[in-house]
Amino acid sequence: MIEKIISSGKPGAAAAALEVAIKLGLAYGGWCREGEPVPDKFQLERLPEASNRSATEKAVAASQGSLYFAAGETASLRLETTKKSALRLNKPLLIQDLEGENGFSASRRIAVWITENRIKVLHVDGEGDGRIVFSVADKVSKILEATFFLSMIETGITAPLESAVERERLPQRGNPPETIEAAVNHLEQSLSLKDRAVIANMTADELVSLHFTLGGYINSHFEIFTANTDLLADCQRRSGQWGLAPKDVAAVIIRALWDRLRATCRIRIIK
C-alpha cells in the first residue's frame, strides 16, 4: 500500500499528487528548483540552481517506483528525463495515458502495478503545463484517490473473478436459485470483498469482461439450460425481454449484481 508520495509540485499532475497525499494523510515530499512557484505547504526541498533533471533523478532514486501521467503520445522533456532516470537506477516506471484510459480502469491498472512491484514510496510526475493544467490535475486526483483505496483493500485483479472461479470459491448452496434476487444473494455472499469492490467500481461497459468467468459459473451451476425455468422467467420479467434466451440470463444476473454492489461496495471519495 502507498505510504508516501514524492513529487516536484509542478502544476498539473505533480501538484495534484501532493494534494492527494495531504488530503489522505499520507507522507509526502520531494524536490524542486529554487525560485519555482511551488506552495510552501508541499514542504519540498529546494535545489539551488538545480536543473529539472537533478530534481527528477532525486525523486526517482528516493522512491520505489515512478508513475507518470502522460497526455497523449507526445514525448516531453520531462517524460524523457523520467524514463532515463528510471532506466539508469533500475526502478519500475508506469506511464499512464490520460487520453487513452481513465477512471476506475486506470486506477485498477495502477493498483495492480503498485502491488506487483511492492511500492510504498511512489514518485508521481506528469504533464500539466498551459491550458491543460486543471484538466490533468482533476483527472490525476480522482485516479490517485481511487488507486489508494484499491491498494488499501489489496484489490489487484486484472481479470476479475477468474482466479476465484478457477478455484471454485463459489460453492453451490442447495438448490439453484429460482429468482434474480436469490441468484444475486448467492453470488454476493460467496464473493470476497476484493471481488465485490472490483465489480462495484466497474463501468457498465466493463461488465462484459465478467461473462467468461462469473457468467460461466452462472451457466454451469444455476441450471439455466436444463430445469431452471423459474429463474429464466424472472430474468425475462426483469429485463422486459420475453424472448430472452438461456444464454443471455447470465448478463441479466451480472447486471443486477452490479446494481446492488454499487450501492454497498462502491469506492466513494469523501470530499
C-alpha atoms as a PDB file:
ATOM      1  CA  MET A   1       0.000   0.000   0.000  1.00  0.00           C
ATOM      2  CA  ILE A   2       1.173   3.537  -0.724  1.00  0.00           C
ATOM      3  CA  GLU A   3       2.658   5.219   2.335  1.00  0.00           C
ATOM      4  CA  LYS A   4       4.383   8.238   0.792  1.00  0.00           C
ATOM      5  CA  ILE A   5       4.178  10.284  -2.399  1.00  0.00           C
ATOM      6  CA  ILE A   6       7.164  12.133  -3.831  1.00  0.00           C
ATOM      7  CA  SER A   7       6.736  14.837  -6.445  1.00  0.00           C
ATOM      8  CA  SER A   8       8.180  18.100  -7.779  1.00  0.00           C
ATOM      9  CA  GLY A   9       4.986  20.028  -7.070  1.00  0.00           C
ATOM     10  CA  LYS A  10       4.829  21.420 -10.613  1.00  0.00           C
ATOM     11  CA  PRO A  11       1.362  22.493 -11.831  1.00  0.00           C
ATOM     12  CA  GLY A  12      -0.738  19.645 -13.115  1.00  0.00           C
ATOM     13  CA  ALA A  13      -0.096  16.010 -12.260  1.00  0.00           C
ATOM     14  CA  ALA A  14       2.803  16.591  -9.848  1.00  0.00           C
ATOM     15  CA  ALA A  15       0.952  19.149  -7.720  1.00  0.00           C
ATOM     16  CA  ALA A  16      -2.242  17.073  -7.790  1.00  0.00           C
ATOM     17  CA  ALA A  17      -0.344  14.077  -6.390  1.00  0.00           C
ATOM     18  CA  LEU A  18       0.846  16.073  -3.376  1.00  0.00           C
ATOM     19  CA  GLU A  19      -2.639  17.478  -2.816  1.00  0.00           C
ATOM     20  CA  VAL A  20      -3.958  13.914  -2.714  1.00  0.00           C
ATOM     21  CA  ALA A  21      -1.254  12.900  -0.221  1.00  0.00           C
ATOM     22  CA  ILE A  22      -2.220  15.789   2.065  1.00  0.00           C
ATOM     23  CA  LYS A  23      -5.928  15.003   1.750  1.00  0.00           C
ATOM     24  CA  LEU A  24      -5.484  11.307   2.534  1.00  0.00           C
ATOM     25  CA  GLY A  25      -2.973  11.810   5.337  1.00  0.00           C
ATOM     26  CA  LEU A  26      -0.031  10.210   3.532  1.00  0.00           C
ATOM     27  CA  ALA A  27       3.570  11.234   3.987  1.00  0.00           C
ATOM     28  CA  TYR A  28       4.840  13.425   1.146  1.00  0.00           C
ATOM     29  CA  GLY A  29       7.867  15.360  -0.065  1.00  0.00           C
ATOM     30  CA  GLY A  30      10.246  15.890  -2.944  1.00  0.00           C
ATOM     31  CA  TRP A  31      12.493  18.411  -4.642  1.00  0.00           C
ATOM     32  CA  CYS A  32      12.029  21.473  -6.826  1.00  0.00           C
ATOM     33  CA  ARG A  33      14.218  24.232  -8.241  1.00  0.00           C
ATOM     34  CA  GLU A  34      14.901  27.361  -6.254  1.00  0.00           C
ATOM     35  CA  GLY A  35      12.501  30.103  -7.291  1.00  0.00           C
ATOM     36  CA  GLU A  36       9.796  27.844  -8.700  1.00  0.00           C
ATOM     37  CA  PRO A  37       6.244  28.863  -7.687  1.00  0.00           C
ATOM     38  CA  VAL A  38       5.601  25.800  -5.544  1.00  0.00           C
ATOM     39  CA  PRO A  39       3.288  26.200  -2.484  1.00  0.00           C
ATOM     40  CA  ASP A  40       5.088  26.100   0.864  1.00  0.00           C
ATOM     41  CA  LYS A  41       2.568  23.560   2.160  1.00  0.00           C
ATOM     42  CA  PHE A  42       4.196  20.922  -0.042  1.00  0.00           C
ATOM     43  CA  GLN A  43       7.342  21.185   2.108  1.00  0.00           C
ATOM     44  CA  LEU A  44       9.671  20.444  -0.788  1.00  0.00           C
ATOM     45  CA  GLU A  45      13.433  20.765  -0.599  1.00  0.00           C
ATOM     46  CA  ARG A  46      14.622  23.477  -2.976  1.00  0.00           C
ATOM     47  CA  LEU A  47      17.733  22.798  -5.002  1.00  0.00           C
ATOM     48  CA  PRO A  48      19.842  25.919  -5.642  1.00  0.00           C
ATOM     49  CA  GLU A  49      20.473  26.349  -9.363  1.00  0.00           C
ATOM     50  CA  ALA A  50      19.439  22.761  -9.948  1.00  0.00           C
ATOM     51  CA  SER A  51      18.016  21.576 -13.219  1.00  0.00           C
ATOM     52  CA  ASN A  52      14.783  19.663 -13.685  1.00  0.00           C
ATOM     53  CA  ARG A  53      16.881  16.587 -14.261  1.00  0.00           C
ATOM     54  CA  SER A  54      18.524  16.784 -10.827  1.00  0.00           C
ATOM     55  CA  ALA A  55      15.162  17.047  -9.062  1.00  0.00           C
ATOM     56  CA  THR A  56      13.709  14.200 -11.114  1.00  0.00           C
ATOM     57  CA  GLU A  57      16.690  11.917 -10.508  1.00  0.00           C
ATOM     58  CA  LYS A  58      16.491  12.519  -6.774  1.00  0.00           C
ATOM     59  CA  ALA A  59      12.781  11.699  -6.773  1.00  0.00           C
ATOM     60  CA  VAL A  60      13.233   8.518  -8.816  1.00  0.00           C
ATOM     61  CA  ALA A  61      16.108   7.393  -6.578  1.00  0.00           C
ATOM     62  CA  ALA A  62      14.184   8.054  -3.351  1.00  0.00           C
ATOM     63  CA  SER A  63      11.085   6.154  -4.488  1.00  0.00           C
ATOM     64  CA  GLN A  64      10.365   2.503  -5.183  1.00  0.00           C
ATOM     65  CA  GLY A  65       8.658   3.282  -8.483  1.00  0.00           C
ATOM     66  CA  SER A  66       7.600   6.186 -10.700  1.00  0.00           C
ATOM     67  CA  LEU A  67       4.125   6.839 -12.087  1.00  0.00           C
ATOM     68  CA  TYR A  68       3.994   9.292 -14.977  1.00  0.00           C
ATOM     69  CA  PHE A  69       0.729  10.758 -16.270  1.00  0.00           C
ATOM     70  CA  ALA A  70       1.061  11.480 -19.978  1.00  0.00           C
ATOM     71  CA  ALA A  71      -1.366  13.392 -22.184  1.00  0.00           C
ATOM     72  CA  GLY A  72      -1.452  11.512 -25.460  1.00  0.00           C
ATOM     73  CA  GLU A  73       1.559  10.284 -27.377  1.00  0.00           C
ATOM     74  CA  THR A  74       3.601  13.483 -27.174  1.00  0.00           C
ATOM     75  CA  ALA A  75       7.026  12.810 -25.643  1.00  0.00           C
ATOM     76  CA  SER A  76       8.040  15.741 -23.433  1.00  0.00           C
ATOM     77  CA  LEU A  77      11.454  16.512 -21.984  1.00  0.00           C
ATOM     78  CA  ARG A  78      10.045  15.774 -18.520  1.00  0.00           C
ATOM     79  CA  LEU A  79       8.903  12.325 -19.595  1.00  0.00           C
ATOM     80  CA  GLU A  80      12.209  11.514 -21.291  1.00  0.00           C
ATOM     81  CA  THR A  81      14.099  12.601 -18.172  1.00  0.00           C
ATOM     82  CA  THR A  82      11.937  10.360 -16.019  1.00  0.00           C
ATOM     83  CA  LYS A  83      12.431   7.415 -18.380  1.00  0.00           C
ATOM     84  CA  LYS A  84      16.212   7.774 -18.417  1.00  0.00           C
ATOM     85  CA  SER A  85      16.422   8.147 -14.648  1.00  0.00           C
ATOM     86  CA  ALA A  86      14.249   5.084 -14.032  1.00  0.00           C
ATOM     87  CA  LEU A  87      16.267   3.036 -16.519  1.00  0.00           C
ATOM     88  CA  ARG A  88      19.610   4.085 -15.068  1.00  0.00           C
ATOM     89  CA  LEU A  89      18.513   3.438 -11.494  1.00  0.00           C
ATOM     90  CA  ASN A  90      16.667   0.228 -12.406  1.00  0.00           C
ATOM     91  CA  LYS A  91      13.386   1.446 -10.928  1.00  0.00           C
ATOM     92  CA  PRO A  92       9.923   0.446 -12.202  1.00  0.00           C
ATOM     93  CA  LEU A  93       8.097   3.056 -14.287  1.00  0.00           C
ATOM     94  CA  LEU A  94       4.450   3.107 -15.333  1.00  0.00           C
ATOM     95  CA  ILE A  95       3.244   5.618 -17.923  1.00  0.00           C
ATOM     96  CA  GLN A  96      -0.493   6.265 -17.701  1.00  0.00           C
ATOM     97  CA  ASP A  97      -2.046   7.954 -20.734  1.00  0.00           C
ATOM     98  CA  LEU A  98      -4.857  10.195 -19.515  1.00  0.00           C
ATOM     99  CA  GLU A  99      -6.316  10.379 -23.003  1.00  0.00           C
ATOM    100  CA  GLY A 100      -6.273   6.639 -23.629  1.00  0.00           C
ATOM    101  CA  GLU A 101      -7.517   5.226 -20.327  1.00  0.00           C
ATOM    102  CA  ASN A 102      -9.266   6.951 -17.475  1.00  0.00           C
ATOM    103  CA  GLY A 103     -11.493   6.414 -14.479  1.00  0.00           C
ATOM    104  CA  PHE A 104     -11.659   3.250 -12.429  1.00  0.00           C
ATOM    105  CA  SER A 105      -9.972   1.067 -15.035  1.00  0.00           C
ATOM    106  CA  ALA A 106      -6.891   3.290 -14.841  1.00  0.00           C
ATOM    107  CA  SER A 107      -6.922   3.190 -11.036  1.00  0.00           C
ATOM    108  CA  ARG A 108      -7.202  -0.596 -11.059  1.00  0.00           C
ATOM    109  CA  ARG A 109      -4.307  -0.903 -13.514  1.00  0.00           C
ATOM    110  CA  ILE A 110      -2.112   1.340 -11.352  1.00  0.00           C
ATOM    111  CA  ALA A 111      -3.109  -0.503  -8.159  1.00  0.00           C
ATOM    112  CA  VAL A 112      -2.092  -3.818  -9.728  1.00  0.00           C
ATOM    113  CA  TRP A 113       1.254  -2.337 -10.776  1.00  0.00           C
ATOM    114  CA  ILE A 114       1.854  -0.940  -7.275  1.00  0.00           C
ATOM    115  CA  THR A 115       1.011  -4.292  -5.693  1.00  0.00           C
ATOM    116  CA  GLU A 116       3.165  -6.302  -8.089  1.00  0.00           C
ATOM    117  CA  ASN A 117       6.164  -4.025  -7.511  1.00  0.00           C
ATOM    118  CA  ARG A 118       5.547  -3.705  -3.748  1.00  0.00           C
ATOM    119  CA  ILE A 119       5.679   0.068  -3.924  1.00  0.00           C
ATOM    120  CA  LYS A 120       5.215   2.012  -0.699  1.00  0.00           C
ATOM    121  CA  VAL A 121       7.039   5.192  -1.704  1.00  0.00           C
ATOM    122  CA  LEU A 122       5.645   6.409  -5.034  1.00  0.00           C
ATOM    123  CA  HIS A 123       7.120   9.105  -7.263  1.00  0.00           C
ATOM    124  CA  VAL A 124       4.450  10.869  -9.331  1.00  0.00           C
ATOM    125  CA  ASP A 125       5.049  13.254 -12.214  1.00  0.00           C
ATOM    126  CA  GLY A 126       3.354  14.148 -15.458  1.00  0.00           C
ATOM    127  CA  GLU A 127       2.139  16.753 -17.867  1.00  0.00           C
ATOM    128  CA  GLY A 128       0.290  19.841 -16.801  1.00  0.00           C
ATOM    129  CA  ASP A 129       1.592  22.949 -18.497  1.00  0.00           C
ATOM    130  CA  GLY A 130      -0.523  25.634 -20.119  1.00  0.00           C
ATOM    131  CA  ARG A 131      -4.231  25.137 -20.764  1.00  0.00           C
ATOM    132  CA  ILE A 132      -4.392  21.509 -19.613  1.00  0.00           C
ATOM    133  CA  VAL A 133      -3.272  22.129 -16.007  1.00  0.00           C
ATOM    134  CA  PHE A 134      -6.716  21.970 -14.409  1.00  0.00           C
ATOM    135  CA  SER A 135      -7.964  19.134 -16.603  1.00  0.00           C
ATOM    136  CA  VAL A 136      -4.925  16.990 -15.816  1.00  0.00           C
ATOM    137  CA  ALA A 137      -4.974  17.834 -12.103  1.00  0.00           C
ATOM    138  CA  ASP A 138      -8.628  16.833 -11.766  1.00  0.00           C
ATOM    139  CA  LYS A 139      -8.151  13.530 -13.596  1.00  0.00           C
ATOM    140  CA  VAL A 140      -4.979  12.674 -11.684  1.00  0.00           C
ATOM    141  CA  SER A 141      -6.596  13.462  -8.326  1.00  0.00           C
ATOM    142  CA  LYS A 142      -9.551  11.154  -8.959  1.00  0.00           C
ATOM    143  CA  ILE A 143      -7.368   8.336 -10.273  1.00  0.00           C
ATOM    144  CA  LEU A 144      -4.879   8.506  -7.392  1.00  0.00           C
ATOM    145  CA  GLU A 145      -7.561   8.634  -4.700  1.00  0.00           C
ATOM    146  CA  ALA A 146      -9.285   5.541  -6.082  1.00  0.00           C
ATOM    147  CA  THR A 147      -5.888   3.857  -6.505  1.00  0.00           C
ATOM    148  CA  PHE A 148      -5.062   4.442  -2.847  1.00  0.00           C
ATOM    149  CA  PHE A 149      -8.266   2.790  -1.635  1.00  0.00           C
ATOM    150  CA  LEU A 150      -7.892  -0.091  -4.066  1.00  0.00           C
ATOM    151  CA  SER A 151      -4.371  -0.681  -2.773  1.00  0.00           C
ATOM    152  CA  MET A 152      -5.607  -0.447   0.799  1.00  0.00           C
ATOM    153  CA  ILE A 153      -8.037  -3.338   0.320  1.00  0.00           C
ATOM    154  CA  GLU A 154      -5.412  -5.174  -1.732  1.00  0.00           C
ATOM    155  CA  THR A 155      -7.520  -5.247  -4.869  1.00  0.00           C
ATOM    156  CA  GLY A 156      -5.179  -6.265  -7.617  1.00  0.00           C
ATOM    157  CA  ILE A 157      -7.222  -8.149 -10.169  1.00  0.00           C
ATOM    158  CA  THR A 158      -6.531  -7.782 -13.863  1.00  0.00           C
ATOM    159  CA  ALA A 159      -9.163 -10.332 -14.898  1.00  0.00           C
ATOM    160  CA  PRO A 160     -11.834 -10.022 -12.170  1.00  0.00           C
ATOM    161  CA  LEU A 161     -13.014 -13.288 -10.634  1.00  0.00           C
ATOM    162  CA  GLU A 162     -11.022 -15.529 -12.961  1.00  0.00           C
ATOM    163  CA  SER A 163      -8.933 -16.980 -10.151  1.00  0.00           C
ATOM    164  CA  ALA A 164     -11.999 -17.251  -7.922  1.00  0.00           C
ATOM    165  CA  VAL A 165     -13.907 -19.280 -10.461  1.00  0.00           C
ATOM    166  CA  GLU A 166     -10.910 -21.490 -11.244  1.00  0.00           C
ATOM    167  CA  ARG A 167     -10.598 -22.315  -7.546  1.00  0.00           C
ATOM    168  CA  GLU A 168     -14.370 -22.912  -7.371  1.00  0.00           C
ATOM    169  CA  ARG A 169     -14.558 -20.482  -4.484  1.00  0.00           C
ATOM    170  CA  LEU A 170     -18.251 -20.005  -5.321  1.00  0.00           C
ATOM    171  CA  PRO A 171     -19.813 -23.176  -3.913  1.00  0.00           C
ATOM    172  CA  GLN A 172     -23.255 -24.396  -4.897  1.00  0.00           C
ATOM    173  CA  ARG A 173     -25.569 -23.919  -1.930  1.00  0.00           C
ATOM    174  CA  GLY A 174     -28.504 -26.310  -2.104  1.00  0.00           C
ATOM    175  CA  ASN A 175     -30.946 -25.964  -4.954  1.00  0.00           C
ATOM    176  CA  PRO A 176     -30.155 -23.432  -7.702  1.00  0.00           C
ATOM    177  CA  PRO A 177     -31.762 -20.001  -7.205  1.00  0.00           C
ATOM    178  CA  GLU A 178     -35.164 -19.524  -8.816  1.00  0.00           C
ATOM    179  CA  THR A 179     -35.227 -15.708  -8.830  1.00  0.00           C
ATOM    180  CA  ILE A 180     -32.781 -12.938  -9.696  1.00  0.00           C
ATOM    181  CA  GLU A 181     -32.770 -11.791  -6.075  1.00  0.00           C
ATOM    182  CA  ALA A 182     -31.825 -15.272  -4.864  1.00  0.00           C
ATOM    183  CA  ALA A 183     -29.116 -15.534  -7.518  1.00  0.00           C
ATOM    184  CA  VAL A 184     -27.647 -12.174  -6.531  1.00  0.00           C
ATOM    185  CA  ASN A 185     -27.779 -13.142  -2.840  1.00  0.00           C
ATOM    186  CA  HIS A 186     -25.874 -16.333  -3.609  1.00  0.00           C
ATOM    187  CA  LEU A 187     -23.166 -14.523  -5.534  1.00  0.00           C
ATOM    188  CA  GLU A 188     -22.837 -11.620  -3.091  1.00  0.00           C
ATOM    189  CA  GLN A 189     -22.434 -13.939  -0.102  1.00  0.00           C
ATOM    190  CA  SER A 190     -19.847 -16.066  -1.857  1.00  0.00           C
ATOM    191  CA  LEU A 191     -17.617 -13.393  -3.417  1.00  0.00           C
ATOM    192  CA  SER A 192     -14.736 -11.872  -1.479  1.00  0.00           C
ATOM    193  CA  LEU A 193     -14.622  -8.196  -0.553  1.00  0.00           C
ATOM    194  CA  LYS A 194     -11.984  -7.684  -3.251  1.00  0.00           C
ATOM    195  CA  ASP A 195     -14.171  -9.164  -5.963  1.00  0.00           C
ATOM    196  CA  ARG A 196     -17.247  -7.259  -4.804  1.00  0.00           C
ATOM    197  CA  ALA A 197     -15.319  -3.971  -4.784  1.00  0.00           C
ATOM    198  CA  VAL A 198     -13.948  -4.604  -8.268  1.00  0.00           C
ATOM    199  CA  ILE A 199     -17.401  -5.322  -9.695  1.00  0.00           C
ATOM    200  CA  ALA A 200     -18.987  -2.357  -7.912  1.00  0.00           C
ATOM    201  CA  ASN A 201     -16.467   0.052  -9.395  1.00  0.00           C
ATOM    202  CA  MET A 202     -16.680  -1.201 -12.956  1.00  0.00           C
ATOM    203  CA  THR A 203     -18.465   0.795 -15.614  1.00  0.00           C
ATOM    204  CA  ALA A 204     -21.446  -0.739 -17.371  1.00  0.00           C
ATOM    205  CA  ASP A 205     -19.318  -1.327 -20.474  1.00  0.00           C
ATOM    206  CA  GLU A 206     -16.712  -3.240 -18.440  1.00  0.00           C
ATOM    207  CA  LEU A 207     -19.224  -5.842 -17.232  1.00  0.00           C
ATOM    208  CA  VAL A 208     -18.706  -7.817 -20.427  1.00  0.00           C
ATOM    209  CA  SER A 209     -15.314  -8.894 -19.032  1.00  0.00           C
ATOM    210  CA  LEU A 210     -17.195 -10.956 -16.412  1.00  0.00           C
ATOM    211  CA  HIS A 211     -19.129 -13.064 -18.908  1.00  0.00           C
ATOM    212  CA  PHE A 212     -16.362 -15.653 -19.326  1.00  0.00           C
ATOM    213  CA  THR A 213     -15.738 -16.022 -15.596  1.00  0.00           C
ATOM    214  CA  LEU A 214     -18.711 -15.177 -13.412  1.00  0.00           C
ATOM    215  CA  GLY A 215     -21.031 -15.761 -16.363  1.00  0.00           C
ATOM    216  CA  GLY A 216     -19.530 -19.182 -16.881  1.00  0.00           C
ATOM    217  CA  TYR A 217     -20.134 -20.032 -13.238  1.00  0.00           C
ATOM    218  CA  ILE A 218     -23.787 -18.949 -13.500  1.00  0.00           C
ATOM    219  CA  ASN A 219     -24.316 -21.028 -16.627  1.00  0.00           C
ATOM    220  CA  SER A 220     -22.701 -24.091 -15.053  1.00  0.00           C
ATOM    221  CA  HIS A 221     -24.287 -24.003 -11.595  1.00  0.00           C
ATOM    222  CA  PHE A 222     -27.693 -22.358 -11.917  1.00  0.00           C
ATOM    223  CA  GLU A 223     -29.088 -24.994 -14.349  1.00  0.00           C
ATOM    224  CA  ILE A 224     -30.226 -22.321 -16.788  1.00  0.00           C
ATOM    225  CA  PHE A 225     -30.060 -24.685 -19.761  1.00  0.00           C
ATOM    226  CA  THR A 226     -31.949 -27.560 -18.129  1.00  0.00           C
ATOM    227  CA  ALA A 227     -34.685 -27.405 -15.493  1.00  0.00           C
ATOM    228  CA  ASN A 228     -34.485 -23.902 -14.017  1.00  0.00           C
ATOM    229  CA  THR A 229     -37.344 -22.277 -15.908  1.00  0.00           C
ATOM    230  CA  ASP A 230     -38.331 -20.121 -12.898  1.00  0.00           C
ATOM    231  CA  LEU A 231     -35.052 -18.189 -12.975  1.00  0.00           C
ATOM    232  CA  LEU A 232     -35.298 -17.776 -16.743  1.00  0.00           C
ATOM    233  CA  ALA A 233     -38.852 -16.419 -16.399  1.00  0.00           C
ATOM    234  CA  ASP A 234     -37.794 -13.970 -13.671  1.00  0.00           C
ATOM    235  CA  CYS A 235     -34.925 -12.714 -15.836  1.00  0.00           C
ATOM    236  CA  GLN A 236     -37.348 -12.248 -18.707  1.00  0.00           C
ATOM    237  CA  ARG A 237     -39.672 -10.219 -16.478  1.00  0.00           C
ATOM    238  CA  ARG A 238     -36.850  -8.105 -15.017  1.00  0.00           C
ATOM    239  CA  SER A 239     -35.313  -7.324 -18.396  1.00  0.00           C
ATOM    240  CA  GLY A 240     -38.624  -6.861 -20.182  1.00  0.00           C
ATOM    241  CA  GLN A 241     -37.385  -9.258 -22.867  1.00  0.00           C
ATOM    242  CA  TRP A 242     -39.945 -12.053 -23.006  1.00  0.00           C
ATOM    243  CA  GLY A 243     -37.932 -13.801 -25.664  1.00  0.00           C
ATOM    244  CA  LEU A 244     -34.739 -13.793 -23.562  1.00  0.00           C
ATOM    245  CA  ALA A 245     -32.752 -16.971 -24.232  1.00  0.00           C
ATOM    246  CA  PRO A 246     -30.991 -19.038 -21.521  1.00  0.00           C
ATOM    247  CA  LYS A 247     -27.605 -17.989 -22.903  1.00  0.00           C
ATOM    248  CA  ASP A 248     -28.418 -14.361 -22.039  1.00  0.00           C
ATOM    249  CA  VAL A 249     -29.527 -14.964 -18.454  1.00  0.00           C
ATOM    250  CA  ALA A 250     -26.027 -14.542 -17.008  1.00  0.00           C
ATOM    251  CA  ALA A 251     -25.803 -10.983 -18.365  1.00  0.00           C
ATOM    252  CA  VAL A 252     -29.072 -10.037 -16.622  1.00  0.00           C
ATOM    253  CA  ILE A 253     -27.920 -11.507 -13.293  1.00  0.00           C
ATOM    254  CA  ILE A 254     -24.499  -9.854 -13.530  1.00  0.00           C
ATOM    255  CA  ARG A 255     -26.154  -6.502 -14.182  1.00  0.00           C
ATOM    256  CA  ALA A 256     -28.437  -6.989 -11.160  1.00  0.00           C
ATOM    257  CA  LEU A 257     -25.441  -7.915  -9.004  1.00  0.00           C
ATOM    258  CA  TRP A 258     -23.607  -4.815 -10.245  1.00  0.00           C
ATOM    259  CA  ASP A 259     -26.593  -2.594  -9.413  1.00  0.00           C
ATOM    260  CA  ARG A 260     -26.681  -3.903  -5.844  1.00  0.00           C
ATOM    261  CA  LEU A 261     -22.937  -3.755  -5.245  1.00  0.00           C
ATOM    262  CA  ARG A 262     -22.735  -0.179  -6.477  1.00  0.00           C
ATOM    263  CA  ALA A 263     -24.941   0.741  -3.510  1.00  0.00           C
ATOM    264  CA  THR A 264     -22.874  -1.203  -0.951  1.00  0.00           C
ATOM    265  CA  CYS A 265     -19.300  -1.656  -2.155  1.00  0.00           C
ATOM    266  CA  ARG A 266     -18.563   1.233  -4.486  1.00  0.00           C
ATOM    267  CA  ILE A 267     -15.484   3.289  -3.610  1.00  0.00           C
ATOM    268  CA  ARG A 268     -16.585   6.808  -2.831  1.00  0.00           C
ATOM    269  CA  ILE A 269     -14.135   9.617  -2.276  1.00  0.00           C
ATOM    270  CA  ILE A 270     -15.301  11.833   0.574  1.00  0.00           C
ATOM    271  CA  LYS A 271     -14.558  15.481  -0.228  1.00  0.00           C
END
